[in-house]
Amino acid sequence: MQSRKLQEDGWKPRWFQKEGENGSFRYSGGYWEAREQGNWDGCPNIFGEFNEGLVESSEGRLA
């Protein structure tokens, strides 16, 4: 899984910061602004390539 590999390579969440060593994550801001502007520059594609065939086949199953 690509997301696990990113974490192992030192990736850190973009809009969250960890509180303490064993603490939870706290939202640090920026997501809603990026979403409003449609600006996803600098966000890694953790899901791999987009495959339209998968979308079409899943849409057929939902109908």
N, C-alpha and C. Protein backbone atom coordinates (compact mmCIF):
# COMPACT_ATOMS: atom_id res chain seq x y z
N MET A 1 0.84 -1.17 0.00
CA MET A 1 0.00 0.00 0.00
C MET A 1 0.89 1.25 0.00
N GLN A 2 0.61 2.19 -0.88
CA GLN A 2 1.45 3.37 -1.03
C GLN A 2 1.44 4.26 0.20
N SER A 3 0.30 4.40 0.88
CA SER A 3 0.23 5.27 2.04
C SER A 3 1.14 4.77 3.17
N ARG A 4 1.22 3.47 3.35
CA ARG A 4 2.11 2.92 4.38
C ARG A 4 3.57 3.20 4.03
N LYS A 5 3.92 3.05 2.75
CA LYS A 5 5.29 3.33 2.29
C LYS A 5 5.64 4.79 2.54
N LEU A 6 4.71 5.70 2.28
CA LEU A 6 4.96 7.12 2.53
C LEU A 6 5.24 7.37 4.01
N GLN A 7 4.46 6.74 4.89
CA GLN A 7 4.66 6.91 6.32
C GLN A 7 6.02 6.36 6.75
N GLU A 8 6.40 5.23 6.22
CA GLU A 8 7.70 4.64 6.55
C GLU A 8 8.85 5.53 6.08
N ASP A 9 8.63 6.28 5.01
CA ASP A 9 9.66 7.17 4.47
C ASP A 9 9.68 8.54 5.15
N GLY A 10 8.87 8.71 6.19
CA GLY A 10 8.89 9.96 6.95
C GLY A 10 7.80 10.95 6.61
N TRP A 11 6.81 10.55 5.82
CA TRP A 11 5.70 11.44 5.49
C TRP A 11 4.97 11.86 6.75
N LYS A 12 4.54 13.12 6.78
CA LYS A 12 3.78 13.63 7.91
C LYS A 12 2.47 14.21 7.41
N PRO A 13 1.41 14.10 8.19
CA PRO A 13 0.12 14.65 7.76
C PRO A 13 0.24 16.16 7.49
N ARG A 14 -0.44 16.60 6.46
CA ARG A 14 -0.34 18.00 6.04
C ARG A 14 -1.15 18.94 6.93
N TRP A 15 -2.33 18.53 7.36
CA TRP A 15 -3.22 19.43 8.08
C TRP A 15 -3.42 19.03 9.54
N PHE A 16 -2.57 18.13 10.05
CA PHE A 16 -2.69 17.68 11.44
C PHE A 16 -1.31 17.63 12.09
N GLN A 17 -1.28 17.89 13.38
CA GLN A 17 -0.04 17.77 14.15
C GLN A 17 -0.28 16.85 15.33
N LYS A 18 0.68 16.01 15.60
CA LYS A 18 0.59 15.08 16.72
C LYS A 18 0.92 15.81 18.02
N GLU A 19 0.11 15.57 19.03
CA GLU A 19 0.34 16.19 20.34
C GLU A 19 1.03 15.19 21.25
N GLY A 20 2.29 15.44 21.56
CA GLY A 20 3.06 14.53 22.40
C GLY A 20 3.44 13.27 21.67
N GLU A 21 4.21 12.42 22.34
CA GLU A 21 4.67 11.18 21.71
C GLU A 21 3.54 10.20 21.44
N ASN A 22 2.68 10.01 22.40
CA ASN A 22 1.58 9.05 22.25
C ASN A 22 0.24 9.73 22.11
N GLY A 23 0.26 11.03 21.83
CA GLY A 23 -0.97 11.80 21.77
C GLY A 23 -1.74 11.62 20.48
N SER A 24 -2.88 12.23 20.47
CA SER A 24 -3.72 12.20 19.28
C SER A 24 -3.30 13.32 18.33
N PHE A 25 -3.90 13.34 17.18
CA PHE A 25 -3.61 14.38 16.19
C PHE A 25 -4.62 15.50 16.32
N ARG A 26 -4.15 16.74 16.11
CA ARG A 26 -5.01 17.92 16.17
C ARG A 26 -4.94 18.63 14.83
N TYR A 27 -6.11 19.05 14.34
CA TYR A 27 -6.18 19.78 13.09
C TYR A 27 -5.42 21.10 13.22
N SER A 28 -4.51 21.38 12.28
CA SER A 28 -3.69 22.58 12.35
C SER A 28 -4.08 23.63 11.31
N GLY A 29 -5.10 23.35 10.51
CA GLY A 29 -5.61 24.34 9.57
C GLY A 29 -5.11 24.13 8.15
N GLY A 30 -5.83 24.73 7.21
CA GLY A 30 -5.42 24.74 5.82
C GLY A 30 -6.24 23.88 4.87
N TYR A 31 -6.87 22.81 5.38
CA TYR A 31 -7.60 21.91 4.48
C TYR A 31 -8.77 22.60 3.81
N TRP A 32 -9.59 23.27 4.59
CA TRP A 32 -10.81 23.88 4.03
C TRP A 32 -10.46 24.98 3.03
N GLU A 33 -9.37 25.69 3.27
CA GLU A 33 -8.93 26.72 2.33
C GLU A 33 -8.46 26.08 1.03
N ALA A 34 -7.68 25.02 1.12
CA ALA A 34 -7.21 24.31 -0.07
C ALA A 34 -8.38 23.73 -0.84
N ARG A 35 -9.35 23.18 -0.14
CA ARG A 35 -10.52 22.59 -0.79
C ARG A 35 -11.33 23.66 -1.52
N GLU A 36 -11.53 24.78 -0.87
CA GLU A 36 -12.30 25.87 -1.48
C GLU A 36 -11.64 26.36 -2.76
N GLN A 37 -10.31 26.43 -2.75
CA GLN A 37 -9.56 26.90 -3.92
C GLN A 37 -9.28 25.79 -4.92
N GLY A 38 -9.52 24.54 -4.54
CA GLY A 38 -9.19 23.41 -5.42
C GLY A 38 -7.69 23.28 -5.61
N ASN A 39 -6.92 23.71 -4.62
CA ASN A 39 -5.46 23.72 -4.71
C ASN A 39 -4.89 22.53 -3.94
N TRP A 40 -4.56 21.48 -4.67
CA TRP A 40 -4.01 20.27 -4.04
C TRP A 40 -2.54 20.11 -4.36
N ASP A 41 -1.88 21.20 -4.78
CA ASP A 41 -0.44 21.16 -5.06
C ASP A 41 0.31 20.71 -3.81
N GLY A 42 1.26 19.85 -3.99
CA GLY A 42 2.06 19.38 -2.87
C GLY A 42 1.44 18.20 -2.13
N CYS A 43 0.27 17.76 -2.54
CA CYS A 43 -0.37 16.60 -1.91
C CYS A 43 0.00 15.35 -2.70
N PRO A 44 0.64 14.38 -2.06
CA PRO A 44 1.01 13.17 -2.79
C PRO A 44 -0.22 12.35 -3.15
N ASN A 45 -0.16 11.64 -4.26
CA ASN A 45 -1.24 10.76 -4.69
C ASN A 45 -1.07 9.43 -3.98
N ILE A 46 -1.72 9.27 -2.84
CA ILE A 46 -1.53 8.06 -2.05
C ILE A 46 -2.37 6.89 -2.55
N PHE A 47 -3.24 7.14 -3.52
CA PHE A 47 -4.11 6.08 -4.02
C PHE A 47 -3.66 5.52 -5.36
N GLY A 48 -2.57 6.00 -5.90
CA GLY A 48 -2.08 5.49 -7.17
C GLY A 48 -2.79 6.14 -8.34
N GLU A 49 -2.62 5.55 -9.50
CA GLU A 49 -3.21 6.10 -10.71
C GLU A 49 -4.71 5.94 -10.71
N PHE A 50 -5.39 6.92 -11.27
CA PHE A 50 -6.84 6.86 -11.42
C PHE A 50 -7.16 5.96 -12.60
N ASN A 51 -8.08 5.04 -12.41
CA ASN A 51 -8.43 4.11 -13.46
C ASN A 51 -9.91 4.25 -13.75
N GLU A 52 -10.26 4.86 -14.91
CA GLU A 52 -11.65 5.09 -15.26
C GLU A 52 -12.42 3.79 -15.40
N GLY A 53 -11.77 2.72 -15.80
CA GLY A 53 -12.43 1.43 -15.94
C GLY A 53 -13.01 0.95 -14.61
N LEU A 54 -12.31 1.21 -13.52
CA LEU A 54 -12.82 0.82 -12.20
C LEU A 54 -14.05 1.62 -11.84
N VAL A 55 -14.08 2.91 -12.17
CA VAL A 55 -15.23 3.75 -11.86
C VAL A 55 -16.44 3.28 -12.67
N GLU A 56 -16.23 3.04 -13.95
CA GLU A 56 -17.34 2.61 -14.80
C GLU A 56 -17.89 1.28 -14.34
N SER A 57 -17.04 0.33 -13.96
CA SER A 57 -17.53 -0.97 -13.54
C SER A 57 -18.26 -0.87 -12.21
N SER A 58 -17.80 0.00 -11.30
CA SER A 58 -18.49 0.13 -10.02
C SER A 58 -19.82 0.86 -10.18
N GLU A 59 -19.90 1.81 -11.14
CA GLU A 59 -21.15 2.50 -11.40
C GLU A 59 -22.17 1.53 -11.95
N GLY A 60 -21.76 0.60 -12.77
CA GLY A 60 -22.67 -0.39 -13.32
C GLY A 60 -23.27 -1.27 -12.24
N ARG A 61 -22.47 -1.58 -11.20
CA ARG A 61 -22.96 -2.43 -10.11
C ARG A 61 -23.96 -1.69 -9.24
N LEU A 62 -23.80 -0.36 -9.12
CA LEU A 62 -24.68 0.41 -8.25
C LEU A 62 -26.05 0.62 -8.87
N ALA A 63 -26.14 0.59 -10.18
CA ALA A 63 -27.42 0.88 -10.85
C ALA A 63 -28.38 -0.28 -10.75
